Amino acid sequence: SQQRQMWIRYRSQCGYCIPGFIMAATALLVENSDPTVQEIREGLSGNLCRCTGYVKIIDAVKHAAMKEA
C-alpha cells in the first residue's frame, strides 16, 4: 500500500505532509497504475514538503505502484 511504502522508503522527518501525499498518491495510482516519474511529480504537485527534496517520496510512490502491479 502507499502508506506502507511511505513508511518503509520515505521515513519522513516531521510527518506533517504525509497524509496529503498518501491521498494524492492513492488518487494517482487509481487513475494510472504504472506512472512515470514525471507523472508522479505532476500527481503530487499540489503537496509541499519542507523537509526533503521529494526524491524519497517519489521513490515510495513508484515502489507502491510496482507492488500493486
Protein backbone atom coordinates (compact mmCIF):
# COMPACT_ATOMS: atom_id res chain seq x y z
CA SER A 1 0.00 0.00 0.00
CA GLN A 2 1.04 3.62 -0.46
CA GLN A 3 1.05 4.17 3.28
CA ARG A 4 3.36 1.22 3.90
CA GLN A 5 5.76 2.29 1.14
CA MET A 6 5.88 5.81 2.57
CA TRP A 7 6.81 4.33 5.95
CA ILE A 8 9.42 1.95 4.53
CA ARG A 9 11.00 4.17 1.89
CA TYR A 10 10.42 7.75 2.94
CA ARG A 11 10.91 7.87 6.72
CA SER A 12 9.71 11.45 6.94
CA GLN A 13 11.34 13.95 9.20
CA CYS A 14 8.29 15.71 10.61
CA GLY A 15 5.43 13.75 9.01
CA TYR A 16 3.20 16.79 8.56
CA CYS A 17 2.88 16.36 4.77
CA ILE A 18 2.46 12.57 4.66
CA PRO A 19 -1.38 12.40 4.77
CA GLY A 20 -1.65 14.70 1.75
CA PHE A 21 0.98 12.78 -0.19
CA ILE A 22 -0.70 9.46 0.57
CA MET A 23 -4.08 10.78 -0.59
CA ALA A 24 -2.57 12.23 -3.78
CA ALA A 25 -0.58 9.06 -4.45
CA THR A 26 -3.67 6.90 -3.96
CA ALA A 27 -5.67 9.03 -6.41
CA LEU A 28 -2.80 8.93 -8.91
CA LEU A 29 -2.42 5.15 -8.72
CA VAL A 30 -6.17 4.61 -9.09
CA GLU A 31 -6.05 6.54 -12.36
CA ASN A 32 -2.66 5.27 -13.54
CA SER A 33 -1.27 2.06 -12.05
CA ASP A 34 2.16 2.48 -13.69
CA PRO A 35 3.05 6.19 -13.65
CA THR A 36 6.32 7.62 -14.90
CA VAL A 37 8.43 9.75 -12.58
CA GLN A 38 7.13 12.86 -14.37
CA GLU A 39 3.53 11.72 -13.89
CA ILE A 40 4.22 11.11 -10.20
CA ARG A 41 5.70 14.60 -9.88
CA GLU A 42 2.63 16.08 -11.56
CA GLY A 43 0.25 13.98 -9.45
CA LEU A 44 1.90 15.13 -6.22
CA SER A 45 2.45 18.73 -7.27
CA GLY A 46 -0.30 20.07 -5.01
CA ASN A 47 1.57 18.95 -1.88
CA LEU A 48 4.53 20.62 -0.24
CA CYS A 49 7.25 19.13 1.92
CA ARG A 50 9.66 21.49 3.60
CA CYS A 51 11.92 18.76 5.00
CA THR A 52 13.10 16.90 1.90
CA GLY A 53 13.80 17.14 -1.80
CA TYR A 54 10.91 14.83 -2.80
CA VAL A 55 13.26 12.10 -4.09
CA LYS A 56 12.26 9.56 -1.43
CA ILE A 57 8.60 10.50 -1.73
CA ILE A 58 8.63 9.82 -5.48
CA ASP A 59 10.57 6.60 -4.87
CA ALA A 60 7.93 5.46 -2.38
CA VAL A 61 5.10 6.08 -4.86
CA LYS A 62 6.98 4.25 -7.63
CA HIS A 63 7.52 1.25 -5.34
CA ALA A 64 3.88 1.29 -4.27
CA ALA A 65 2.92 1.17 -7.96
CA MET A 66 5.20 -1.83 -8.52
CA LYS A 67 3.74 -3.65 -5.51
CA GLU A 68 0.19 -3.18 -6.82
CA ALA A 69 1.01 -4.43 -10.30
